[in-house]
Structures are given as structure tokens and as C-alpha cells.
């Protein structure tokens, strides 16, 4: 995702949630959110036909 700064996102969400992310953990948190972002981009890039209907209940 172009223009998405993961480090800034982590900092802003920490402030919004009043969650202190200590300096020694911040790099790991940013790295995990970068992985999450990559996975989300892969999922969101999958084409879904317009005629697909949403399931009301998920049953594996």
C-alpha cells in the first residue's frame, strides 16, 4: 500500500488507544504490522466477482 507508514500508524494507534509501546518493543510491533499489512494486501487484491452473495452464517 503506497504512502502507508507503518511506524506512524503504530505510533498513532498507541496514542489513540492510550497504549504505551516501550521503545524496546516498538521495532517488533512495527515489523509485525508490516507482515499483517502484506497479508491484508494479498487478501484484498483477490478479485471477487460482482455476483457473489455474502453468506449469512459461516460453516466450515
N, C-alpha and C. Protein backbone atom coordinates (compact mmCIF):
# COMPACT_ATOMS: atom_id res chain seq x y z
N UNK A 1 0.85 -1.17 0.00
CA UNK A 1 0.00 0.00 0.00
C UNK A 1 0.90 1.23 0.00
N UNK A 2 0.84 1.99 -1.06
CA UNK A 2 1.71 3.15 -1.19
C UNK A 2 1.30 4.25 -0.22
N UNK A 3 2.28 4.89 0.36
CA UNK A 3 2.03 6.01 1.24
C UNK A 3 1.63 5.61 2.66
N UNK A 4 1.56 4.32 2.94
CA UNK A 4 1.19 3.86 4.27
C UNK A 4 2.44 3.68 5.10
N UNK A 5 2.59 4.50 6.14
CA UNK A 5 3.76 4.44 7.01
C UNK A 5 3.39 3.63 8.24
N UNK A 6 3.90 2.41 8.32
CA UNK A 6 3.54 1.50 9.40
C UNK A 6 4.00 2.04 10.75
N UNK A 7 5.17 2.60 10.81
CA UNK A 7 5.68 3.15 12.07
C UNK A 7 4.80 4.26 12.59
N UNK A 8 4.37 5.15 11.70
CA UNK A 8 3.48 6.24 12.09
C UNK A 8 2.13 5.68 12.54
N UNK A 9 1.64 4.67 11.83
CA UNK A 9 0.36 4.03 12.20
C UNK A 9 0.45 3.46 13.62
N UNK A 10 1.51 2.74 13.92
CA UNK A 10 1.69 2.15 15.25
C UNK A 10 1.74 3.25 16.31
N UNK A 11 2.47 4.32 16.03
CA UNK A 11 2.56 5.42 17.00
C UNK A 11 1.20 6.07 17.23
N UNK A 12 0.47 6.34 16.15
CA UNK A 12 -0.83 7.00 16.27
C UNK A 12 -1.86 6.10 16.97
N UNK A 13 -1.86 4.82 16.66
CA UNK A 13 -2.81 3.91 17.30
C UNK A 13 -2.48 3.73 18.78
N UNK A 14 -1.20 3.75 19.10
CA UNK A 14 -0.81 3.70 20.50
C UNK A 14 -1.36 4.89 21.28
N UNK A 15 -1.28 6.06 20.66
CA UNK A 15 -1.84 7.26 21.30
C UNK A 15 -3.36 7.18 21.40
N UNK A 16 -4.00 6.77 20.32
CA UNK A 16 -5.46 6.68 20.30
C UNK A 16 -6.00 5.71 21.34
N UNK A 17 -5.31 4.58 21.50
CA UNK A 17 -5.75 3.56 22.44
C UNK A 17 -5.18 3.74 23.84
N UNK A 18 -4.39 4.79 24.01
CA UNK A 18 -3.71 5.05 25.29
C UNK A 18 -2.90 3.83 25.70
N UNK A 19 -2.14 3.32 24.73
CA UNK A 19 -1.33 2.12 24.93
C UNK A 19 0.14 2.48 24.77
N UNK A 20 0.88 2.34 25.84
CA UNK A 20 2.30 2.65 25.79
C UNK A 20 3.05 1.49 25.15
N UNK A 21 3.77 1.77 24.07
CA UNK A 21 4.62 0.77 23.43
C UNK A 21 6.05 1.17 23.76
N UNK A 22 6.67 0.41 24.63
CA UNK A 22 8.02 0.74 25.06
C UNK A 22 8.99 0.64 23.89
N UNK A 23 10.02 1.45 23.95
CA UNK A 23 10.99 1.54 22.86
C UNK A 23 11.58 0.20 22.47
N UNK A 24 11.84 -0.66 23.46
CA UNK A 24 12.46 -1.95 23.14
C UNK A 24 11.52 -2.90 22.39
N UNK A 25 10.21 -2.61 22.40
CA UNK A 25 9.23 -3.45 21.70
C UNK A 25 8.72 -2.83 20.40
N UNK A 26 8.93 -1.55 20.21
CA UNK A 26 8.35 -0.85 19.07
C UNK A 26 8.78 -1.45 17.73
N UNK A 27 10.06 -1.74 17.55
CA UNK A 27 10.53 -2.31 16.27
C UNK A 27 9.83 -3.63 15.96
N UNK A 28 9.63 -4.47 16.97
CA UNK A 28 8.94 -5.73 16.77
C UNK A 28 7.48 -5.54 16.42
N UNK A 29 6.83 -4.57 17.07
CA UNK A 29 5.43 -4.26 16.78
C UNK A 29 5.30 -3.76 15.34
N UNK A 30 6.19 -2.87 14.93
CA UNK A 30 6.17 -2.35 13.56
C UNK A 30 6.40 -3.49 12.57
N UNK A 31 7.35 -4.37 12.83
CA UNK A 31 7.62 -5.49 11.94
C UNK A 31 6.40 -6.40 11.80
N UNK A 32 5.71 -6.66 12.90
CA UNK A 32 4.51 -7.49 12.84
C UNK A 32 3.40 -6.81 12.05
N UNK A 33 3.23 -5.51 12.21
CA UNK A 33 2.21 -4.79 11.44
C UNK A 33 2.58 -4.74 9.96
N UNK A 34 3.86 -4.71 9.63
CA UNK A 34 4.27 -4.78 8.22
C UNK A 34 3.88 -6.13 7.63
N UNK A 35 4.05 -7.20 8.40
CA UNK A 35 3.62 -8.53 7.93
C UNK A 35 2.10 -8.59 7.76
N UNK A 36 1.39 -8.05 8.75
CA UNK A 36 -0.07 -8.02 8.68
C UNK A 36 -0.53 -7.23 7.45
N UNK A 37 0.12 -6.12 7.18
CA UNK A 37 -0.23 -5.29 6.03
C UNK A 37 0.00 -6.05 4.72
N UNK A 38 1.11 -6.78 4.63
CA UNK A 38 1.40 -7.55 3.42
C UNK A 38 0.35 -8.64 3.20
N UNK A 39 -0.04 -9.32 4.26
CA UNK A 39 -1.07 -10.37 4.16
C UNK A 39 -2.40 -9.76 3.77
N UNK A 40 -2.77 -8.64 4.38
CA UNK A 40 -4.04 -7.97 4.07
C UNK A 40 -4.07 -7.51 2.62
N UNK A 41 -2.95 -7.00 2.11
CA UNK A 41 -2.89 -6.58 0.71
C UNK A 41 -3.10 -7.77 -0.23
N UNK A 42 -2.53 -8.91 0.12
CA UNK A 42 -2.71 -10.11 -0.69
C UNK A 42 -4.18 -10.54 -0.70
N UNK A 43 -4.80 -10.57 0.45
CA UNK A 43 -6.22 -10.95 0.55
C UNK A 43 -7.10 -9.95 -0.20
N UNK A 44 -6.85 -8.66 0.00
CA UNK A 44 -7.68 -7.63 -0.63
C UNK A 44 -7.49 -7.53 -2.13
N UNK A 45 -6.38 -8.04 -2.65
CA UNK A 45 -6.14 -7.97 -4.10
C UNK A 45 -6.81 -9.12 -4.85
N UNK A 46 -7.37 -10.09 -4.13
CA UNK A 46 -8.04 -11.22 -4.76
C UNK A 46 -9.34 -10.74 -5.40
N UNK A 47 -9.51 -10.98 -6.71
CA UNK A 47 -10.73 -10.49 -7.37
C UNK A 47 -11.96 -11.31 -6.95
N UNK A 48 -13.03 -10.60 -6.65
CA UNK A 48 -14.29 -11.25 -6.28
C UNK A 48 -15.34 -10.83 -7.30
N UNK A 49 -15.97 -11.80 -7.94
CA UNK A 49 -17.00 -11.46 -8.93
C UNK A 49 -18.16 -10.68 -8.30
N UNK A 50 -18.80 -9.83 -9.08
CA UNK A 50 -19.89 -9.00 -8.59
C UNK A 50 -21.11 -9.81 -8.17
N UNK A 51 -21.29 -11.02 -8.73
CA UNK A 51 -22.50 -11.79 -8.45
C UNK A 51 -22.37 -12.69 -7.22
N UNK A 52 -21.28 -12.58 -6.48
CA UNK A 52 -21.09 -13.36 -5.26
C UNK A 52 -21.97 -12.79 -4.15
N UNK A 53 -22.67 -13.66 -3.43
CA UNK A 53 -23.51 -13.22 -2.32
C UNK A 53 -22.80 -13.52 -1.00
N UNK A 54 -23.02 -12.68 -0.03
CA UNK A 54 -22.43 -12.83 1.30
C UNK A 54 -23.18 -13.94 2.04
N UNK A 55 -22.42 -14.83 2.68
CA UNK A 55 -23.04 -15.89 3.47
C UNK A 55 -23.52 -15.31 4.80
N UNK A 56 -24.71 -15.68 5.22
CA UNK A 56 -25.23 -15.16 6.48
C UNK A 56 -24.58 -15.86 7.68
N UNK A 57 -24.19 -17.14 7.50
CA UNK A 57 -23.57 -17.91 8.55
C UNK A 57 -22.40 -18.67 7.96
N UNK A 58 -21.24 -18.60 8.63
CA UNK A 58 -20.09 -19.36 8.18
C UNK A 58 -20.10 -20.73 8.82
N UNK A 59 -20.04 -21.77 7.99
CA UNK A 59 -19.96 -23.14 8.49
C UNK A 59 -18.82 -23.84 7.78
N UNK A 60 -17.76 -24.17 8.51
CA UNK A 60 -16.59 -24.81 7.88
C UNK A 60 -16.91 -26.21 7.38
